Amino acid sequence: MYWSMPCGCYKICNYAINGIGDSMRFKLNTGRTIWQGEAIEAGKNLELYRKAAGVCYINEEDMAKLGVNEGDSVKVVSEYGDVVVSVKKANQPMPEGMVFIPMGPWANCVVLPETNSTAMPSFKGPIYVDIEKTNEEVPIMMDLMRKKYIEC
């Protein structure tokens, strides 16, 4: 797969998505949500946090094209990594071709890891991702951290 870089050149990415359907390209947006903020205060190791931050909001039209329903798992792949998250129907107007993942460790897996000495990854794009339905489970925090930082 070739990724268009900001400089106009192309980067070759060697990854394969091993899901159960066809993938689609989206523009990823990230940010805070009230639910992510509430859940992070309750505890990052709780199921409440996984259900608030381990999700991908997709509009109904794109959900239909992908063949997914709310609660299905999808694999999100960028040039920086991949992560499995749960589908949520966008609860606010969202243009076709755009998805939203709340800030947190699941989004961290697919955004630019450079922090520019702020200890916070760059959550703003444009970041292009490929998404497809998968049978994989959304990882709990401990498994996500192990995969990303220990077993890499």
Protein backbone atom coordinates (compact mmCIF):
# COMPACT_ATOMS: atom_id res chain seq x y z
CA MET A 1 0.00 0.00 0.00
CA TYR A 2 1.22 3.52 -0.77
CA TRP A 3 0.58 6.50 1.51
CA SER A 4 0.71 10.04 0.20
CA MET A 5 3.03 12.07 2.41
CA PRO A 6 2.76 15.84 3.11
CA CYS A 7 5.84 16.45 0.97
CA GLY A 8 4.05 14.98 -2.06
CA CYS A 9 6.07 11.76 -2.16
CA TYR A 10 4.74 8.30 -1.36
CA LYS A 11 5.69 5.92 1.43
CA ILE A 12 5.29 2.17 1.10
CA CYS A 13 3.58 0.56 4.08
CA ASN A 14 3.92 -3.15 4.49
CA TYR A 15 0.92 -4.27 6.45
CA ALA A 16 -1.97 -6.54 5.87
CA ILE A 17 -5.39 -6.26 7.36
CA ASN A 18 -6.61 -9.68 8.41
CA GLY A 19 -10.27 -8.99 8.93
CA ILE A 20 -13.39 -10.47 7.44
CA GLY A 21 -14.38 -7.88 4.84
CA ASP A 22 -13.21 -5.17 2.53
CA SER A 23 -11.45 -2.17 3.98
CA MET A 24 -12.34 1.45 3.33
CA ARG A 25 -10.15 4.58 3.56
CA PHE A 26 -11.23 7.32 5.98
CA LYS A 27 -9.92 10.58 7.36
CA LEU A 28 -9.47 10.19 11.13
CA ASN A 29 -10.43 12.91 13.58
CA THR A 30 -9.73 12.67 17.30
CA GLY A 31 -10.55 14.71 20.37
CA ARG A 32 -12.09 14.61 23.78
CA THR A 33 -15.62 13.53 24.55
CA ILE A 34 -17.60 14.02 27.73
CA TRP A 35 -17.83 10.22 28.11
CA GLN A 36 -14.08 9.72 27.65
CA GLY A 37 -13.42 12.46 30.23
CA GLU A 38 -15.86 10.95 32.72
CA ALA A 39 -14.48 7.44 32.25
CA ILE A 40 -10.81 8.46 32.58
CA GLU A 41 -11.61 9.99 35.97
CA ALA A 42 -13.31 6.76 37.08
CA GLY A 43 -10.26 4.67 36.13
CA LYS A 44 -8.35 3.74 32.99
CA ASN A 45 -8.50 0.02 33.78
CA LEU A 46 -12.28 -0.07 33.98
CA GLU A 47 -14.63 -1.41 31.32
CA LEU A 48 -16.29 2.02 31.38
CA TYR A 49 -13.11 3.56 29.91
CA ARG A 50 -12.81 0.92 27.18
CA LYS A 51 -16.43 1.55 26.19
CA ALA A 52 -15.83 5.33 26.12
CA ALA A 53 -12.41 5.50 24.43
CA GLY A 54 -12.01 2.18 22.59
CA VAL A 55 -14.60 3.17 20.01
CA CYS A 56 -14.82 4.59 16.51
CA TYR A 57 -17.74 6.86 15.60
CA ILE A 58 -18.89 6.33 12.01
CA ASN A 59 -21.88 7.84 10.22
CA GLU A 60 -24.73 5.55 9.18
CA GLU A 61 -23.96 5.72 5.44
CA ASP A 62 -20.35 4.62 5.95
CA MET A 63 -21.44 1.93 8.43
CA ALA A 64 -23.69 0.50 5.72
CA LYS A 65 -20.89 0.59 3.13
CA LEU A 66 -18.56 -1.22 5.56
CA GLY A 67 -21.26 -3.71 6.49
CA VAL A 68 -20.98 -3.00 10.22
CA ASN A 69 -23.46 -2.36 12.99
CA GLU A 70 -23.09 -0.55 16.27
CA GLY A 71 -21.08 -2.76 18.63
CA ASP A 72 -19.16 -4.60 15.89
CA SER A 73 -15.38 -4.63 16.06
CA VAL A 74 -13.30 -2.95 13.37
CA LYS A 75 -9.57 -2.84 12.78
CA VAL A 76 -8.23 0.67 12.19
CA VAL A 77 -4.86 0.81 10.41
CA SER A 78 -2.68 3.86 9.76
CA GLU A 79 0.93 4.27 8.76
CA TYR A 80 1.71 4.50 12.51
CA GLY A 81 0.03 1.30 13.69
CA ASP A 82 -3.26 -0.47 14.13
CA VAL A 83 -5.91 -1.03 16.77
CA VAL A 84 -9.22 -2.84 17.18
CA VAL A 85 -12.12 -0.69 18.39
CA SER A 86 -15.88 -0.98 18.68
CA VAL A 87 -18.20 0.77 16.21
CA LYS A 88 -20.53 3.50 17.46
CA LYS A 89 -23.00 5.31 15.26
CA ALA A 90 -22.05 8.98 15.04
CA ASN A 91 -24.34 10.92 17.37
CA GLN A 92 -23.62 14.22 15.64
CA PRO A 93 -23.45 15.09 11.94
CA MET A 94 -20.25 13.73 10.42
CA PRO A 95 -19.26 13.92 6.76
CA GLU A 96 -19.01 10.71 4.81
CA GLY A 97 -15.43 9.48 4.73
CA MET A 98 -14.58 10.77 8.22
CA VAL A 99 -14.40 8.82 11.47
CA PHE A 100 -13.79 9.90 15.07
CA ILE A 101 -11.89 8.05 17.81
CA PRO A 102 -11.77 9.71 21.26
CA MET A 103 -8.38 10.65 22.64
CA GLY A 104 -6.82 7.86 24.62
CA PRO A 105 -4.62 4.79 24.27
CA TRP A 106 -6.67 3.28 21.42
CA ALA A 107 -6.30 6.46 19.34
CA ASN A 108 -2.62 6.63 20.34
CA CYS A 109 -2.04 3.41 18.39
CA VAL A 110 -2.89 5.03 15.07
CA VAL A 111 -1.87 8.70 15.38
CA LEU A 112 1.51 10.31 14.80
CA PRO A 113 3.59 9.28 17.85
CA GLU A 114 5.81 12.40 17.77
CA THR A 115 5.12 14.52 20.86
CA ASN A 116 7.41 17.53 20.23
CA SER A 117 8.43 17.32 23.91
CA THR A 118 4.86 17.72 25.16
CA ALA A 119 4.36 14.06 26.19
CA MET A 120 1.13 14.16 24.16
CA PRO A 121 0.97 12.61 20.68
CA SER A 122 -0.30 14.66 17.78
CA PHE A 123 -4.02 13.93 17.56
CA LYS A 124 -4.73 16.21 14.61
CA GLY A 125 -4.22 15.23 11.03
CA PRO A 126 -4.83 14.79 8.41
CA ILE A 127 -4.43 11.13 9.29
CA TYR A 128 -5.75 8.61 6.82
CA VAL A 129 -6.79 5.18 8.06
CA ASP A 130 -8.09 1.98 6.52
CA ILE A 131 -10.92 0.34 8.41
CA GLU A 132 -12.49 -3.08 8.08
CA LYS A 133 -14.74 -5.35 10.10
CA THR A 134 -12.97 -7.95 12.22
CA ASN A 135 -13.81 -10.73 14.66
CA GLU A 136 -11.02 -9.58 16.99
CA GLU A 137 -11.99 -8.30 20.44
CA VAL A 138 -11.39 -4.71 21.49
CA PRO A 139 -8.37 -5.06 23.79
CA ILE A 140 -8.57 -4.14 27.45
CA MET A 141 -6.13 -1.45 28.59
CA MET A 142 -3.56 -3.87 30.00
CA ASP A 143 -3.42 -5.94 26.80
CA LEU A 144 -3.27 -2.83 24.63
CA MET A 145 -0.32 -1.44 26.61
CA ARG A 146 1.46 -4.79 26.56
CA LYS A 147 1.12 -5.06 22.77
CA LYS A 148 2.08 -1.45 22.07
CA TYR A 149 4.95 -0.91 24.51
CA ILE A 150 6.27 -4.26 25.75
CA GLU A 151 5.87 -6.81 22.97
CA CYS A 152 6.64 -4.46 20.09
